[in-house]
Amino acid sequence: MNAIGAISSVNSVSGLSGISGTNQISGASTMNGAGAVDGASAGTQAPGDSFMNSLNDAFSQLNGQLTQADASMANFAAGGSADISTVMLQMESASVSLKAATDVRDKMLEAYQDIMRTQI
């Protein structure tokens, strides 16, 4: 199974490249005193939608990074013009990004399970 198949179980949020720790969630904002989310007008977008869009964008970037690394590796294996150091850097970068995505997924599942175990 290739690296892309490893994240296929994340269909509802699909795609996560570029998790380098420097990306910020673009939809994040603070609550104002009136109970509305800053920067969002009534009826435009639900607060959770921007988070899901950011997560979807990150998964899309990861998918692209994994696809590019696989293509680079296939090109090198076929005797193409790819250089081994570039291929190894792309593979390692994709591996680190996939590990970060898996860690984020695990933390999100853990948080969801903690919320579900909370008694009211």
Protein backbone atom coordinates (compact mmCIF):
# COMPACT_ATOMS: atom_id res chain seq x y z
CA MET A 1 0.00 0.00 0.00
CA ASN A 2 1.39 3.38 -0.94
CA ALA A 3 1.32 6.50 1.23
CA ILE A 4 -1.83 7.84 -0.42
CA GLY A 5 -3.71 4.66 0.46
CA ALA A 6 -2.68 5.14 4.07
CA ILE A 7 -4.75 8.30 4.37
CA SER A 8 -7.72 7.14 2.32
CA SER A 9 -9.63 6.39 5.53
CA VAL A 10 -9.82 10.15 6.13
CA ASN A 11 -12.38 10.64 3.35
CA SER A 12 -14.58 13.08 5.24
CA VAL A 13 -11.70 15.52 5.60
CA SER A 14 -9.63 14.38 2.58
CA GLY A 15 -6.26 15.84 1.61
CA LEU A 16 -3.47 17.34 4.21
CA SER A 17 -0.14 18.54 2.80
CA GLY A 18 2.00 21.33 4.06
CA ILE A 19 1.61 20.69 7.76
CA SER A 20 4.94 22.17 8.59
CA GLY A 21 3.92 23.82 11.82
CA THR A 22 4.04 27.28 10.28
CA ASN A 23 0.58 27.19 8.71
CA GLN A 24 -2.15 28.88 10.70
CA ILE A 25 -5.82 28.08 10.60
CA SER A 26 -7.17 30.82 8.37
CA GLY A 27 -10.70 30.76 9.76
CA ALA A 28 -9.71 31.10 13.39
CA SER A 29 -11.05 34.14 15.15
CA THR A 30 -12.13 35.14 18.62
CA MET A 31 -15.54 35.58 20.12
CA ASN A 32 -16.69 39.12 20.80
CA GLY A 33 -18.82 40.18 23.74
CA ALA A 34 -22.06 40.02 21.75
CA GLY A 35 -21.79 36.28 21.19
CA ALA A 36 -20.93 36.50 17.47
CA VAL A 37 -17.71 35.42 15.87
CA ASP A 38 -15.51 38.38 14.89
CA GLY A 39 -15.32 38.92 11.16
CA ALA A 40 -18.38 36.82 10.35
CA SER A 41 -21.70 38.41 9.57
CA ALA A 42 -24.94 36.64 10.39
CA GLY A 43 -25.95 33.97 7.91
CA THR A 44 -22.75 33.99 5.83
CA GLN A 45 -20.90 30.93 7.06
CA ALA A 46 -21.09 28.67 10.09
CA PRO A 47 -18.05 28.97 12.39
CA GLY A 48 -17.16 25.29 11.89
CA ASP A 49 -17.14 25.64 8.10
CA SER A 50 -13.97 27.73 8.00
CA PHE A 51 -12.20 25.16 10.20
CA MET A 52 -13.33 22.34 7.94
CA ASN A 53 -12.23 24.31 4.87
CA SER A 54 -8.79 24.86 6.41
CA LEU A 55 -8.52 21.19 7.29
CA ASN A 56 -9.66 20.17 3.81
CA ASP A 57 -7.07 22.50 2.24
CA ALA A 58 -4.34 21.02 4.42
CA PHE A 59 -5.34 17.46 3.48
CA SER A 60 -5.41 18.45 -0.20
CA GLN A 61 -1.88 19.83 0.08
CA LEU A 62 -0.69 16.62 1.77
CA ASN A 63 -2.27 14.53 -0.95
CA GLY A 64 -0.48 16.62 -3.58
CA GLN A 65 2.82 16.31 -1.76
CA LEU A 66 2.46 12.52 -1.47
CA THR A 67 1.50 12.23 -5.14
CA GLN A 68 4.49 14.34 -6.19
CA ALA A 69 6.86 12.23 -4.05
CA ASP A 70 5.44 9.01 -5.54
CA ALA A 71 5.80 10.37 -9.07
CA SER A 72 9.37 11.45 -8.34
CA MET A 73 10.21 8.02 -6.99
CA ALA A 74 8.63 6.30 -10.01
CA ASN A 75 10.54 8.61 -12.36
CA PHE A 76 13.82 7.77 -10.62
CA ALA A 77 13.05 4.03 -10.63
CA ALA A 78 12.27 4.16 -14.35
CA GLY A 79 15.68 5.71 -15.03
CA GLY A 80 14.40 9.23 -15.57
CA SER A 81 16.31 12.42 -14.99
CA ALA A 82 15.37 12.65 -11.28
CA ASP A 83 18.32 12.99 -8.94
CA ILE A 84 18.48 10.71 -5.86
CA SER A 85 18.92 13.51 -3.32
CA THR A 86 15.82 15.35 -4.58
CA VAL A 87 13.80 12.14 -4.55
CA MET A 88 14.92 11.31 -1.02
CA LEU A 89 14.15 14.83 0.23
CA GLN A 90 10.67 14.71 -1.30
CA MET A 91 10.01 11.25 0.16
CA GLU A 92 11.21 12.30 3.62
CA SER A 93 9.18 15.52 3.50
CA ALA A 94 6.07 13.57 2.50
CA SER A 95 6.74 11.05 5.27
CA VAL A 96 7.05 13.77 7.92
CA SER A 97 3.90 15.48 6.65
CA LEU A 98 1.99 12.20 6.72
CA LYS A 99 3.16 11.55 10.28
CA ALA A 100 2.02 15.03 11.31
CA ALA A 101 -1.36 14.47 9.63
CA THR A 102 -1.75 11.17 11.42
CA ASP A 103 -0.88 12.80 14.75
CA VAL A 104 -3.43 15.57 14.14
CA ARG A 105 -6.08 12.99 13.23
CA ASP A 106 -5.30 10.98 16.38
CA LYS A 107 -5.52 14.09 18.58
CA MET A 108 -8.83 15.09 17.00
CA LEU A 109 -10.27 11.61 17.55
CA GLU A 110 -9.03 11.63 21.13
CA ALA A 111 -10.65 15.03 21.74
CA TYR A 112 -13.91 13.82 20.18
CA GLN A 113 -13.89 10.71 22.38
CA ASP A 114 -13.22 12.85 25.47
CA ILE A 115 -16.18 15.06 24.59
CA MET A 116 -18.42 12.04 24.04
CA ARG A 117 -17.39 10.57 27.43
CA THR A 118 -18.25 13.82 29.23
CA GLN A 119 -21.34 13.40 31.35
CA ILE A 120 -23.83 16.21 31.52
